[in-house]
């Protein structure tokens, strides 16, 4: 009888120590289900919740998601595909609200609304020029979010030049003020992040660009937002490409590589140009493949037939890069959005 009670007490102590407050037994293989569900929140939560005896499994799961922590929070495409389809939508043109309402949101994962322009004056410091069509941005955000598509504000653009960017980013006070304004704009308009389109930093402004991107990335990521940037196509000897440092690689969720408006193989955006540009950024510069977004044009179609677009998409899939970016999606010639999406998200 004494042995019976001692055994009973021992069993109570063992099983009582393996249960949570809600009665769930811990330390079993199905604990990994709760960690998987928590991966989309943050890696910090996963590490805190995971018992020491399952750390190995947790690390394995997180490594297979993406190279960056923020990707798991912002991916909006097919759950079975790691690729993204990013389209720029311009804040100019006719019938924009109609166009915005009729976009193929089901063939996109991200939209960059282009552009909000930085302004600098010696008297007033930095500011943001108001959008020409803020109602169109509202339409896009509403419809995009309903389709589980991320929307960022693209800042700058080629016509914005470099003066305001340089004057703002070189000064600590102005830069901090500018970042505060950008984050407020994101919050006020229910956006998901910022796409920086400084065209282009040079060697003398590299440190200024570094500081702007690192500090802006910190501010956005703290709020669960994303930071991306548009960069020149890239080749050895290009000062505009060389000015994008490793610090920027660490600050962004991905880079939009503008692999067009060059001239190779008789085309301003050839297949070989795309291969060379990705090779430069990934292999020469060390950008993680999952941060390399290949840009394709939806213009100058005579030198960009659908067959070349399909080749580029196949290459993105074979190399396991981030996906495809489009300039720009106010038109959709030859139903190219659907072609890109089907190529990247093929079962």
C-alpha atoms as a PDB file:
ATOM      1  CA  UNK A   1       0.000   0.000   0.000  1.00  0.00           C
ATOM      2  CA  UNK A   2       2.834   2.410   0.848  1.00  0.00           C
ATOM      3  CA  UNK A   3       4.474   1.680  -2.472  1.00  0.00           C
ATOM      4  CA  UNK A   4       1.170   2.435  -4.242  1.00  0.00           C
ATOM      5  CA  UNK A   5       0.836   5.897  -2.663  1.00  0.00           C
ATOM      6  CA  UNK A   6       4.459   6.735  -3.373  1.00  0.00           C
ATOM      7  CA  UNK A   7       3.983   5.802  -7.035  1.00  0.00           C
ATOM      8  CA  UNK A   8       0.801   7.878  -7.199  1.00  0.00           C
ATOM      9  CA  UNK A   9       2.569  10.929  -5.773  1.00  0.00           C
ATOM     10  CA  UNK A  10       5.430  10.521  -8.224  1.00  0.00           C
ATOM     11  CA  UNK A  11       3.081  10.371 -11.216  1.00  0.00           C
ATOM     12  CA  UNK A  12       1.256  13.520 -10.057  1.00  0.00           C
ATOM     13  CA  UNK A  13       4.500  15.444  -9.747  1.00  0.00           C
ATOM     14  CA  UNK A  14       5.730  14.396 -13.189  1.00  0.00           C
ATOM     15  CA  UNK A  15       2.581  15.135 -15.185  1.00  0.00           C
ATOM     16  CA  UNK A  16       1.675  18.200 -13.178  1.00  0.00           C
ATOM     17  CA  UNK A  17       5.047  19.761 -14.144  1.00  0.00           C
ATOM     18  CA  UNK A  18       4.434  19.177 -17.884  1.00  0.00           C
ATOM     19  CA  UNK A  19       1.165  21.060 -18.158  1.00  0.00           C
ATOM     20  CA  UNK A  20       0.435  24.710 -18.831  1.00  0.00           C
ATOM     21  CA  UNK A  21      -2.180  26.756 -17.014  1.00  0.00           C
ATOM     22  CA  UNK A  22      -4.716  25.894 -19.679  1.00  0.00           C
ATOM     23  CA  UNK A  23      -4.080  22.167 -19.275  1.00  0.00           C
ATOM     24  CA  UNK A  24      -2.061  21.789 -22.514  1.00  0.00           C
ATOM     25  CA  UNK A  25       0.820  19.350 -22.137  1.00  0.00           C
ATOM     26  CA  UNK A  26       4.138  20.899 -23.162  1.00  0.00           C
ATOM     27  CA  UNK A  27       7.284  19.335 -24.578  1.00  0.00           C
ATOM     28  CA  UNK A  28       5.404  17.233 -27.142  1.00  0.00           C
ATOM     29  CA  UNK A  29       6.124  17.282 -30.894  1.00  0.00           C
ATOM     30  CA  UNK A  30       2.944  19.243 -31.701  1.00  0.00           C
ATOM     31  CA  UNK A  31       4.357  22.248 -29.790  1.00  0.00           C
ATOM     32  CA  UNK A  32       5.942  23.252 -33.102  1.00  0.00           C
ATOM     33  CA  UNK A  33       2.492  24.152 -34.426  1.00  0.00           C
ATOM     34  CA  UNK A  34       2.195  27.040 -31.991  1.00  0.00           C
ATOM     35  CA  UNK A  35       5.704  28.241 -32.910  1.00  0.00           C
ATOM     36  CA  UNK A  36       4.833  28.190 -36.599  1.00  0.00           C
ATOM     37  CA  UNK A  37       1.759  30.305 -35.985  1.00  0.00           C
ATOM     38  CA  UNK A  38       3.891  32.781 -34.071  1.00  0.00           C
ATOM     39  CA  UNK A  39       6.483  33.118 -36.840  1.00  0.00           C
ATOM     40  CA  UNK A  40       4.396  35.719 -38.641  1.00  0.00           C
ATOM     41  CA  UNK A  41       4.469  37.982 -35.617  1.00  0.00           C
ATOM     42  CA  UNK A  42       8.148  38.147 -34.838  1.00  0.00           C
ATOM     43  CA  UNK A  43      11.212  36.036 -34.283  1.00  0.00           C
ATOM     44  CA  UNK A  44      11.473  37.439 -30.768  1.00  0.00           C
ATOM     45  CA  UNK A  45       8.164  35.928 -29.752  1.00  0.00           C
ATOM     46  CA  UNK A  46       9.200  32.548 -31.118  1.00  0.00           C
ATOM     47  CA  UNK A  47      12.471  32.527 -29.208  1.00  0.00           C
ATOM     48  CA  UNK A  48      10.745  33.532 -25.971  1.00  0.00           C
ATOM     49  CA  UNK A  49       7.997  30.942 -26.186  1.00  0.00           C
ATOM     50  CA  UNK A  50      10.122  28.038 -27.345  1.00  0.00           C
ATOM     51  CA  UNK A  51      11.502  25.668 -24.713  1.00  0.00           C
ATOM     52  CA  UNK A  52      15.240  25.064 -24.749  1.00  0.00           C
ATOM     53  CA  UNK A  53      14.727  21.455 -25.812  1.00  0.00           C
ATOM     54  CA  UNK A  54      13.057  22.544 -29.067  1.00  0.00           C
ATOM     55  CA  UNK A  55      15.373  25.421 -30.056  1.00  0.00           C
ATOM     56  CA  UNK A  56      16.858  23.354 -32.877  1.00  0.00           C
ATOM     57  CA  UNK A  57      13.468  22.873 -34.507  1.00  0.00           C
ATOM     58  CA  UNK A  58      12.610  26.555 -34.180  1.00  0.00           C
ATOM     59  CA  UNK A  59      15.853  27.657 -35.823  1.00  0.00           C
ATOM     60  CA  UNK A  60      15.278  25.267 -38.696  1.00  0.00           C
ATOM     61  CA  UNK A  61      11.780  26.618 -39.301  1.00  0.00           C
ATOM     62  CA  UNK A  62      12.840  30.266 -39.303  1.00  0.00           C
ATOM     63  CA  UNK A  63      15.774  29.652 -41.653  1.00  0.00           C
ATOM     64  CA  UNK A  64      13.497  28.232 -44.319  1.00  0.00           C
ATOM     65  CA  UNK A  65      11.212  31.252 -44.385  1.00  0.00           C
ATOM     66  CA  UNK A  66      13.329  34.158 -45.673  1.00  0.00           C
ATOM     67  CA  UNK A  67      16.613  35.926 -45.202  1.00  0.00           C
ATOM     68  CA  UNK A  68      14.969  38.803 -43.350  1.00  0.00           C
ATOM     69  CA  UNK A  69      12.718  38.925 -40.340  1.00  0.00           C
ATOM     70  CA  UNK A  70      10.381  41.408 -41.950  1.00  0.00           C
ATOM     71  CA  UNK A  71       9.534  39.278 -44.976  1.00  0.00           C
ATOM     72  CA  UNK A  72       7.360  36.934 -42.928  1.00  0.00           C
ATOM     73  CA  UNK A  73       5.282  39.891 -41.775  1.00  0.00           C
ATOM     74  CA  UNK A  74       4.801  41.410 -45.213  1.00  0.00           C
ATOM     75  CA  UNK A  75       4.525  38.557 -47.703  1.00  0.00           C
ATOM     76  CA  UNK A  76       1.091  38.699 -49.271  1.00  0.00           C
ATOM     77  CA  UNK A  77       1.323  36.284 -52.180  1.00  0.00           C
ATOM     78  CA  UNK A  78       0.483  32.625 -52.422  1.00  0.00           C
ATOM     79  CA  UNK A  79       1.489  30.809 -49.227  1.00  0.00           C
ATOM     80  CA  UNK A  80       3.198  28.146 -51.347  1.00  0.00           C
ATOM     81  CA  UNK A  81       5.494  30.625 -53.127  1.00  0.00           C
ATOM     82  CA  UNK A  82       8.285  32.807 -51.746  1.00  0.00           C
ATOM     83  CA  UNK A  83       8.123  35.246 -54.668  1.00  0.00           C
ATOM     84  CA  UNK A  84       6.653  38.753 -54.894  1.00  0.00           C
ATOM     85  CA  UNK A  85       5.099  40.817 -57.689  1.00  0.00           C
ATOM     86  CA  UNK A  86       5.656  44.537 -57.088  1.00  0.00           C
ATOM     87  CA  UNK A  87       4.035  47.204 -59.249  1.00  0.00           C
ATOM     88  CA  UNK A  88       4.597  50.956 -59.268  1.00  0.00           C
ATOM     89  CA  UNK A  89       1.460  53.055 -59.760  1.00  0.00           C
ATOM     90  CA  UNK A  90       2.042  56.696 -60.829  1.00  0.00           C
ATOM     91  CA  UNK A  91       0.339  59.690 -59.221  1.00  0.00           C
ATOM     92  CA  UNK A  92      -0.324  61.308 -62.592  1.00  0.00           C
ATOM     93  CA  UNK A  93      -2.317  60.680 -65.735  1.00  0.00           C
ATOM     94  CA  UNK A  94      -5.985  60.622 -66.684  1.00  0.00           C
ATOM     95  CA  UNK A  95      -8.821  58.544 -65.239  1.00  0.00           C
ATOM     96  CA  UNK A  96      -6.579  57.394 -62.397  1.00  0.00           C
ATOM     97  CA  UNK A  97      -9.422  56.490 -60.041  1.00  0.00           C
ATOM     98  CA  UNK A  98     -10.974  54.243 -62.665  1.00  0.00           C
ATOM     99  CA  UNK A  99      -7.605  52.692 -63.401  1.00  0.00           C
ATOM    100  CA  UNK A 100      -6.914  52.188 -59.702  1.00  0.00           C
ATOM    101  CA  UNK A 101     -10.302  50.567 -59.193  1.00  0.00           C
ATOM    102  CA  UNK A 102      -9.722  48.118 -62.044  1.00  0.00           C
ATOM    103  CA  UNK A 103      -6.180  46.996 -61.242  1.00  0.00           C
ATOM    104  CA  UNK A 104      -5.558  43.252 -61.182  1.00  0.00           C
ATOM    105  CA  UNK A 105      -4.902  43.158 -57.452  1.00  0.00           C
ATOM    106  CA  UNK A 106      -5.124  39.374 -57.576  1.00  0.00           C
ATOM    107  CA  UNK A 107      -1.899  39.345 -59.625  1.00  0.00           C
ATOM    108  CA  UNK A 108       0.081  41.587 -57.262  1.00  0.00           C
ATOM    109  CA  UNK A 109       1.610  41.237 -53.815  1.00  0.00           C
ATOM    110  CA  UNK A 110       2.901  44.810 -53.414  1.00  0.00           C
ATOM    111  CA  UNK A 111       2.133  48.251 -54.862  1.00  0.00           C
ATOM    112  CA  UNK A 112       4.457  51.258 -54.655  1.00  0.00           C
ATOM    113  CA  UNK A 113       2.503  54.494 -55.095  1.00  0.00           C
ATOM    114  CA  UNK A 114       4.763  56.910 -56.972  1.00  0.00           C
ATOM    115  CA  UNK A 115       5.761  59.490 -55.979  1.00  0.00           C
ATOM    116  CA  UNK A 116       5.743  61.750 -52.991  1.00  0.00           C
ATOM    117  CA  UNK A 117       8.525  64.291 -53.474  1.00  0.00           C
ATOM    118  CA  UNK A 118      10.904  65.632 -50.808  1.00  0.00           C
ATOM    119  CA  UNK A 119      11.271  69.404 -50.620  1.00  0.00           C
ATOM    120  CA  UNK A 120      14.005  71.420 -48.923  1.00  0.00           C
ATOM    121  CA  UNK A 121      14.367  75.142 -48.300  1.00  0.00           C
ATOM    122  CA  UNK A 122      16.884  76.855 -46.041  1.00  0.00           C
ATOM    123  CA  UNK A 123      14.107  78.664 -44.199  1.00  0.00           C
ATOM    124  CA  UNK A 124      11.653  75.793 -43.720  1.00  0.00           C
ATOM    125  CA  UNK A 125      13.918  72.754 -43.806  1.00  0.00           C
ATOM    126  CA  UNK A 126      12.499  69.447 -45.114  1.00  0.00           C
ATOM    127  CA  UNK A 127       8.918  68.785 -46.135  1.00  0.00           C
ATOM    128  CA  UNK A 128       6.869  66.546 -48.408  1.00  0.00           C
ATOM    129  CA  UNK A 129       5.122  67.960 -51.455  1.00  0.00           C
ATOM    130  CA  UNK A 130       1.420  67.013 -51.326  1.00  0.00           C
ATOM    131  CA  UNK A 131       0.270  64.321 -53.745  1.00  0.00           C
ATOM    132  CA  UNK A 132      -1.577  65.450 -56.843  1.00  0.00           C
ATOM    133  CA  UNK A 133      -4.197  62.733 -56.401  1.00  0.00           C
ATOM    134  CA  UNK A 134      -4.485  61.669 -52.763  1.00  0.00           C
ATOM    135  CA  UNK A 135      -7.939  60.201 -53.405  1.00  0.00           C
ATOM    136  CA  UNK A 136      -6.353  57.700 -55.812  1.00  0.00           C
ATOM    137  CA  UNK A 137      -3.956  56.563 -53.098  1.00  0.00           C
ATOM    138  CA  UNK A 138      -6.937  56.040 -50.800  1.00  0.00           C
ATOM    139  CA  UNK A 139      -8.670  53.928 -53.436  1.00  0.00           C
ATOM    140  CA  UNK A 140      -5.579  51.789 -53.954  1.00  0.00           C
ATOM    141  CA  UNK A 141      -4.982  51.260 -50.239  1.00  0.00           C
ATOM    142  CA  UNK A 142      -8.609  50.238 -49.669  1.00  0.00           C
ATOM    143  CA  UNK A 143      -8.746  47.799 -52.578  1.00  0.00           C
ATOM    144  CA  UNK A 144      -5.213  46.488 -52.092  1.00  0.00           C
ATOM    145  CA  UNK A 145      -5.692  45.699 -48.427  1.00  0.00           C
ATOM    146  CA  UNK A 146      -8.984  43.976 -49.199  1.00  0.00           C
ATOM    147  CA  UNK A 147      -6.975  41.732 -51.552  1.00  0.00           C
ATOM    148  CA  UNK A 148      -4.163  41.240 -49.009  1.00  0.00           C
ATOM    149  CA  UNK A 149      -1.772  43.389 -51.072  1.00  0.00           C
ATOM    150  CA  UNK A 150       0.841  45.613 -49.418  1.00  0.00           C
ATOM    151  CA  UNK A 151       1.051  49.339 -50.321  1.00  0.00           C
ATOM    152  CA  UNK A 152       4.135  51.541 -49.861  1.00  0.00           C
ATOM    153  CA  UNK A 153       4.713  55.181 -50.725  1.00  0.00           C
ATOM    154  CA  UNK A 154       7.549  55.686 -53.200  1.00  0.00           C
ATOM    155  CA  UNK A 155       9.632  58.757 -52.342  1.00  0.00           C
ATOM    156  CA  UNK A 156      11.442  60.852 -54.929  1.00  0.00           C
ATOM    157  CA  UNK A 157      11.700  59.547 -58.470  1.00  0.00           C
ATOM    158  CA  UNK A 158      14.023  60.588 -61.271  1.00  0.00           C
ATOM    159  CA  UNK A 159      12.416  64.000 -61.834  1.00  0.00           C
ATOM    160  CA  UNK A 160      12.790  64.886 -58.152  1.00  0.00           C
ATOM    161  CA  UNK A 161      16.535  65.168 -58.572  1.00  0.00           C
ATOM    162  CA  UNK A 162      19.068  64.875 -55.754  1.00  0.00           C
ATOM    163  CA  UNK A 163      19.245  68.366 -54.204  1.00  0.00           C
ATOM    164  CA  UNK A 164      16.550  67.916 -51.558  1.00  0.00           C
ATOM    165  CA  UNK A 165      17.731  64.391 -50.691  1.00  0.00           C
ATOM    166  CA  UNK A 166      21.308  65.576 -50.225  1.00  0.00           C
ATOM    167  CA  UNK A 167      20.499  68.662 -48.168  1.00  0.00           C
ATOM    168  CA  UNK A 168      18.108  66.747 -45.915  1.00  0.00           C
ATOM    169  CA  UNK A 169      20.195  63.624 -45.369  1.00  0.00           C
ATOM    170  CA  UNK A 170      23.521  65.377 -44.700  1.00  0.00           C
ATOM    171  CA  UNK A 171      22.104  67.187 -41.654  1.00  0.00           C
ATOM    172  CA  UNK A 172      21.226  65.146 -38.555  1.00  0.00           C
ATOM    173  CA  UNK A 173      18.347  67.403 -37.519  1.00  0.00           C
ATOM    174  CA  UNK A 174      16.811  67.661 -40.983  1.00  0.00           C
ATOM    175  CA  UNK A 175      17.179  63.930 -41.550  1.00  0.00           C
ATOM    176  CA  UNK A 176      15.421  63.071 -38.293  1.00  0.00           C
ATOM    177  CA  UNK A 177      12.616  65.524 -39.121  1.00  0.00           C
ATOM    178  CA  UNK A 178      12.242  64.054 -42.603  1.00  0.00           C
ATOM    179  CA  UNK A 179      12.026  60.512 -41.234  1.00  0.00           C
ATOM    180  CA  UNK A 180       9.383  61.606 -38.737  1.00  0.00           C
ATOM    181  CA  UNK A 181       7.332  63.129 -41.575  1.00  0.00           C
ATOM    182  CA  UNK A 182       7.606  59.992 -43.679  1.00  0.00           C
ATOM    183  CA  UNK A 183       6.545  57.696 -40.847  1.00  0.00           C
ATOM    184  CA  UNK A 184       3.608  60.023 -40.074  1.00  0.00           C
ATOM    185  CA  UNK A 185       2.567  59.952 -43.740  1.00  0.00           C
ATOM    186  CA  UNK A 186       2.648  56.150 -43.685  1.00  0.00           C
ATOM    187  CA  UNK A 187       0.535  56.052 -40.525  1.00  0.00           C
ATOM    188  CA  UNK A 188      -1.932  58.726 -41.656  1.00  0.00           C
ATOM    189  CA  UNK A 189      -2.584  56.953 -44.951  1.00  0.00           C
ATOM    190  CA  UNK A 190      -2.741  53.397 -43.591  1.00  0.00           C
ATOM    191  CA  UNK A 191       0.310  52.379 -45.625  1.00  0.00           C
ATOM    192  CA  UNK A 192       2.633  49.433 -45.132  1.00  0.00           C
ATOM    193  CA  UNK A 193       5.991  51.028 -45.797  1.00  0.00           C
ATOM    194  CA  UNK A 194       8.287  53.284 -47.822  1.00  0.00           C
ATOM    195  CA  UNK A 195      10.113  52.743 -51.103  1.00  0.00           C
ATOM    196  CA  UNK A 196      13.092  55.123 -51.410  1.00  0.00           C
ATOM    197  CA  UNK A 197      13.719  56.372 -54.954  1.00  0.00           C
ATOM    198  CA  UNK A 198      16.736  58.641 -54.604  1.00  0.00           C
ATOM    199  CA  UNK A 199      18.052  58.715 -58.170  1.00  0.00           C
ATOM    200  CA  UNK A 200      20.922  58.499 -57.503  1.00  0.00           C
ATOM    201  CA  UNK A 201      23.327  58.657 -54.548  1.00  0.00           C
ATOM    202  CA  UNK A 202      26.988  59.118 -55.537  1.00  0.00           C
ATOM    203  CA  UNK A 203      30.281  58.450 -53.778  1.00  0.00           C
ATOM    204  CA  UNK A 204      30.224  61.809 -51.976  1.00  0.00           C
ATOM    205  CA  UNK A 205      26.666  61.223 -50.685  1.00  0.00           C
ATOM    206  CA  UNK A 206      27.033  57.519 -49.837  1.00  0.00           C
ATOM    207  CA  UNK A 207      27.304  58.112 -46.085  1.00  0.00           C
ATOM    208  CA  UNK A 208      24.292  60.434 -46.126  1.00  0.00           C
ATOM    209  CA  UNK A 209      22.251  57.801 -47.935  1.00  0.00           C
ATOM    210  CA  UNK A 210      23.460  55.138 -45.495  1.00  0.00           C
ATOM    211  CA  UNK A 211      22.342  57.194 -42.517  1.00  0.00           C
ATOM    212  CA  UNK A 212      18.959  57.983 -44.043  1.00  0.00           C
ATOM    213  CA  UNK A 213      18.220  54.365 -44.924  1.00  0.00           C
ATOM    214  CA  UNK A 214      19.462  52.835 -41.664  1.00  0.00           C
ATOM    215  CA  UNK A 215      17.553  55.316 -39.513  1.00  0.00           C
ATOM    216  CA  UNK A 216      14.396  55.167 -41.624  1.00  0.00           C
ATOM    217  CA  UNK A 217      14.549  51.372 -41.630  1.00  0.00           C
ATOM    218  CA  UNK A 218      14.816  51.316 -37.849  1.00  0.00           C
ATOM    219  CA  UNK A 219      11.823  53.643 -37.489  1.00  0.00           C
ATOM    220  CA  UNK A 220       9.645  51.670 -39.929  1.00  0.00           C
ATOM    221  CA  UNK A 221      10.573  48.190 -38.764  1.00  0.00           C
ATOM    222  CA  UNK A 222       9.797  49.185 -35.181  1.00  0.00           C
ATOM    223  CA  UNK A 223       6.213  49.718 -36.347  1.00  0.00           C
ATOM    224  CA  UNK A 224       6.009  46.531 -38.406  1.00  0.00           C
ATOM    225  CA  UNK A 225       6.422  48.425 -41.699  1.00  0.00           C
ATOM    226  CA  UNK A 226       8.761  47.697 -44.607  1.00  0.00           C
ATOM    227  CA  UNK A 227      11.539  49.677 -46.296  1.00  0.00           C
ATOM    228  CA  UNK A 228      12.622  49.108 -49.884  1.00  0.00           C
ATOM    229  CA  UNK A 229      14.593  51.128 -52.424  1.00  0.00           C
ATOM    230  CA  UNK A 230      14.861  51.446 -56.182  1.00  0.00           C
ATOM    231  CA  UNK A 231      18.442  51.129 -57.438  1.00  0.00           C
ATOM    232  CA  UNK A 232      20.194  51.447 -60.769  1.00  0.00           C
ATOM    233  CA  UNK A 233      20.520  48.302 -62.891  1.00  0.00           C
ATOM    234  CA  UNK A 234      24.093  47.843 -61.728  1.00  0.00           C
ATOM    235  CA  UNK A 235      27.415  47.005 -63.302  1.00  0.00           C
ATOM    236  CA  UNK A 236      31.076  47.165 -62.341  1.00  0.00           C
ATOM    237  CA  UNK A 237      32.387  50.709 -62.448  1.00  0.00           C
ATOM    238  CA  UNK A 238      28.991  52.356 -61.960  1.00  0.00           C
ATOM    239  CA  UNK A 239      29.323  55.064 -59.276  1.00  0.00           C
ATOM    240  CA  UNK A 240      25.556  55.046 -58.719  1.00  0.00           C
ATOM    241  CA  UNK A 241      25.603  51.328 -57.957  1.00  0.00           C
ATOM    242  CA  UNK A 242      28.779  51.504 -55.879  1.00  0.00           C
ATOM    243  CA  UNK A 243      27.166  54.134 -53.633  1.00  0.00           C
ATOM    244  CA  UNK A 244      24.640  51.562 -52.376  1.00  0.00           C
ATOM    245  CA  UNK A 245      26.560  50.100 -49.456  1.00  0.00           C
ATOM    246  CA  UNK A 246      26.252  46.960 -47.371  1.00  0.00           C
ATOM    247  CA  UNK A 247      24.629  49.079 -44.679  1.00  0.00           C
ATOM    248  CA  UNK A 248      21.733  49.698 -47.036  1.00  0.00           C
ATOM    249  CA  UNK A 249      21.508  45.954 -47.770  1.00  0.00           C
ATOM    250  CA  UNK A 250      20.945  45.397 -44.062  1.00  0.00           C
ATOM    251  CA  UNK A 251      18.399  48.204 -43.711  1.00  0.00           C
ATOM    252  CA  UNK A 252      16.019  47.210 -46.511  1.00  0.00           C
ATOM    253  CA  UNK A 253      13.576  44.376 -46.982  1.00  0.00           C
ATOM    254  CA  UNK A 254      14.552  44.242 -50.655  1.00  0.00           C
ATOM    255  CA  UNK A 255      15.983  46.365 -53.495  1.00  0.00           C
ATOM    256  CA  UNK A 256      14.047  47.053 -56.709  1.00  0.00           C
ATOM    257  CA  UNK A 257      16.660  46.658 -59.436  1.00  0.00           C
ATOM    258  CA  UNK A 258      15.732  48.852 -62.409  1.00  0.00           C
ATOM    259  CA  UNK A 259      16.897  46.478 -65.119  1.00  0.00           C
ATOM    260  CA  UNK A 260      15.796  48.666 -68.012  1.00  0.00           C
ATOM    261  CA  UNK A 261      16.736  51.835 -69.912  1.00  0.00           C
ATOM    262  CA  UNK A 262      20.129  50.354 -70.707  1.00  0.00           C
ATOM    263  CA  UNK A 263      21.151  49.002 -74.092  1.00  0.00           C
ATOM    264  CA  UNK A 264      22.262  45.423 -74.573  1.00  0.00           C
ATOM    265  CA  UNK A 265      21.557  42.919 -77.346  1.00  0.00           C
ATOM    266  CA  UNK A 266      19.596  45.568 -79.235  1.00  0.00           C
ATOM    267  CA  UNK A 267      17.146  46.085 -76.390  1.00  0.00           C
ATOM    268  CA  UNK A 268      16.807  48.525 -73.504  1.00  0.00           C
ATOM    269  CA  UNK A 269      15.850  45.618 -71.211  1.00  0.00           C
ATOM    270  CA  UNK A 270      17.140  42.342 -72.607  1.00  0.00           C
ATOM    271  CA  UNK A 271      17.203  38.939 -70.947  1.00  0.00           C
ATOM    272  CA  UNK A 272      21.013  39.013 -70.764  1.00  0.00           C
ATOM    273  CA  UNK A 273      20.864  42.429 -69.123  1.00  0.00           C
ATOM    274  CA  UNK A 274      18.571  41.014 -66.417  1.00  0.00           C
ATOM    275  CA  UNK A 275      20.961  38.108 -65.820  1.00  0.00           C
ATOM    276  CA  UNK A 276      23.963  40.441 -65.653  1.00  0.00           C
ATOM    277  CA  UNK A 277      22.225  42.866 -63.283  1.00  0.00           C
ATOM    278  CA  UNK A 278      21.192  40.148 -60.849  1.00  0.00           C
ATOM    279  CA  UNK A 279      24.697  38.680 -61.040  1.00  0.00           C
ATOM    280  CA  UNK A 280      26.204  42.070 -60.169  1.00  0.00           C
ATOM    281  CA  UNK A 281      24.014  42.738 -57.145  1.00  0.00           C
ATOM    282  CA  UNK A 282      23.994  39.176 -55.785  1.00  0.00           C
ATOM    283  CA  UNK A 283      27.391  37.720 -56.653  1.00  0.00           C
ATOM    284  CA  UNK A 284      29.605  40.807 -57.028  1.00  0.00           C
ATOM    285  CA  UNK A 285      28.055  42.941 -54.310  1.00  0.00           C
ATOM    286  CA  UNK A 286      26.725  40.271 -51.939  1.00  0.00           C
ATOM    287  CA  UNK A 287      23.053  41.268 -51.822  1.00  0.00           C
ATOM    288  CA  UNK A 288      21.059  38.283 -50.481  1.00  0.00           C
ATOM    289  CA  UNK A 289      19.044  36.777 -53.362  1.00  0.00           C
ATOM    290  CA  UNK A 290      15.795  37.207 -51.407  1.00  0.00           C
ATOM    291  CA  UNK A 291      16.464  40.947 -51.338  1.00  0.00           C
ATOM    292  CA  UNK A 292      16.995  41.201 -55.118  1.00  0.00           C
ATOM    293  CA  UNK A 293      13.816  42.194 -56.986  1.00  0.00           C
ATOM    294  CA  UNK A 294      14.219  42.147 -60.772  1.00  0.00           C
ATOM    295  CA  UNK A 295      12.641  45.157 -62.479  1.00  0.00           C
ATOM    296  CA  UNK A 296      10.871  44.817 -65.841  1.00  0.00           C
ATOM    297  CA  UNK A 297       9.284  47.550 -67.985  1.00  0.00           C
ATOM    298  CA  UNK A 298       5.702  47.698 -69.221  1.00  0.00           C
ATOM    299  CA  UNK A 299       6.727  50.076 -72.015  1.00  0.00           C
ATOM    300  CA  UNK A 300       8.896  49.974 -75.141  1.00  0.00           C
ATOM    301  CA  UNK A 301       7.236  46.672 -75.885  1.00  0.00           C
ATOM    302  CA  UNK A 302       8.796  46.222 -79.321  1.00  0.00           C
ATOM    303  CA  UNK A 303      12.095  45.345 -77.647  1.00  0.00           C
ATOM    304  CA  UNK A 304      10.398  43.571 -74.726  1.00  0.00           C
ATOM    305  CA  UNK A 305       8.246  40.792 -76.167  1.00  0.00           C
ATOM    306  CA  UNK A 306       6.307  38.475 -73.887  1.00  0.00           C
ATOM    307  CA  UNK A 307       8.756  35.675 -74.640  1.00  0.00           C
ATOM    308  CA  UNK A 308      11.599  37.673 -73.054  1.00  0.00           C
ATOM    309  CA  UNK A 309       9.434  38.506 -70.042  1.00  0.00           C
ATOM    310  CA  UNK A 310       8.734  34.808 -69.570  1.00  0.00           C
ATOM    311  CA  UNK A 311      12.468  34.031 -69.765  1.00  0.00           C
ATOM    312  CA  UNK A 312      13.160  36.597 -67.062  1.00  0.00           C
ATOM    313  CA  UNK A 313      10.485  35.134 -64.798  1.00  0.00           C
ATOM    314  CA  UNK A 314      11.883  31.639 -65.299  1.00  0.00           C
ATOM    315  CA  UNK A 315      15.328  32.927 -64.342  1.00  0.00           C
ATOM    316  CA  UNK A 316      13.985  34.558 -61.180  1.00  0.00           C
ATOM    317  CA  UNK A 317      12.415  31.243 -60.187  1.00  0.00           C
ATOM    318  CA  UNK A 318      15.548  29.238 -60.979  1.00  0.00           C
ATOM    319  CA  UNK A 319      17.778  31.592 -58.995  1.00  0.00           C
ATOM    320  CA  UNK A 320      15.370  31.950 -56.082  1.00  0.00           C
ATOM    321  CA  UNK A 321      15.454  35.748 -56.004  1.00  0.00           C
ATOM    322  CA  UNK A 322      12.793  37.988 -54.434  1.00  0.00           C
ATOM    323  CA  UNK A 323      10.494  38.289 -57.431  1.00  0.00           C
ATOM    324  CA  UNK A 324       9.599  40.776 -60.155  1.00  0.00           C
ATOM    325  CA  UNK A 325       9.035  44.537 -60.011  1.00  0.00           C
ATOM    326  CA  UNK A 326       7.147  46.401 -62.756  1.00  0.00           C
ATOM    327  CA  UNK A 327       7.405  49.976 -63.938  1.00  0.00           C
ATOM    328  CA  UNK A 328       4.534  50.667 -64.156  1.00  0.00           C
ATOM    329  CA  UNK A 329       1.053  49.121 -63.786  1.00  0.00           C
ATOM    330  CA  UNK A 330      -1.374  51.830 -64.908  1.00  0.00           C
ATOM    331  CA  UNK A 331      -1.441  49.783 -68.112  1.00  0.00           C
ATOM    332  CA  UNK A 332      -1.232  46.011 -68.484  1.00  0.00           C
ATOM    333  CA  UNK A 333      -0.189  45.272 -72.069  1.00  0.00           C
ATOM    334  CA  UNK A 334      -0.732  41.706 -73.269  1.00  0.00           C
ATOM    335  CA  UNK A 335      -2.050  40.801 -69.798  1.00  0.00           C
ATOM    336  CA  UNK A 336       1.561  40.747 -68.602  1.00  0.00           C
ATOM    337  CA  UNK A 337       0.680  40.954 -64.925  1.00  0.00           C
ATOM    338  CA  UNK A 338      -1.090  37.622 -65.165  1.00  0.00           C
ATOM    339  CA  UNK A 339       1.824  36.122 -67.078  1.00  0.00           C
ATOM    340  CA  UNK A 340       4.296  37.198 -64.384  1.00  0.00           C
ATOM    341  CA  UNK A 341       2.085  35.976 -61.569  1.00  0.00           C
ATOM    342  CA  UNK A 342       1.432  32.615 -63.196  1.00  0.00           C
ATOM    343  CA  UNK A 343       5.135  32.097 -63.834  1.00  0.00           C
ATOM    344  CA  UNK A 344       6.170  32.904 -60.271  1.00  0.00           C
ATOM    345  CA  UNK A 345       3.287  31.195 -58.522  1.00  0.00           C
ATOM    346  CA  UNK A 346       3.005  28.092 -60.673  1.00  0.00           C
ATOM    347  CA  UNK A 347       2.233  25.012 -58.608  1.00  0.00           C
END
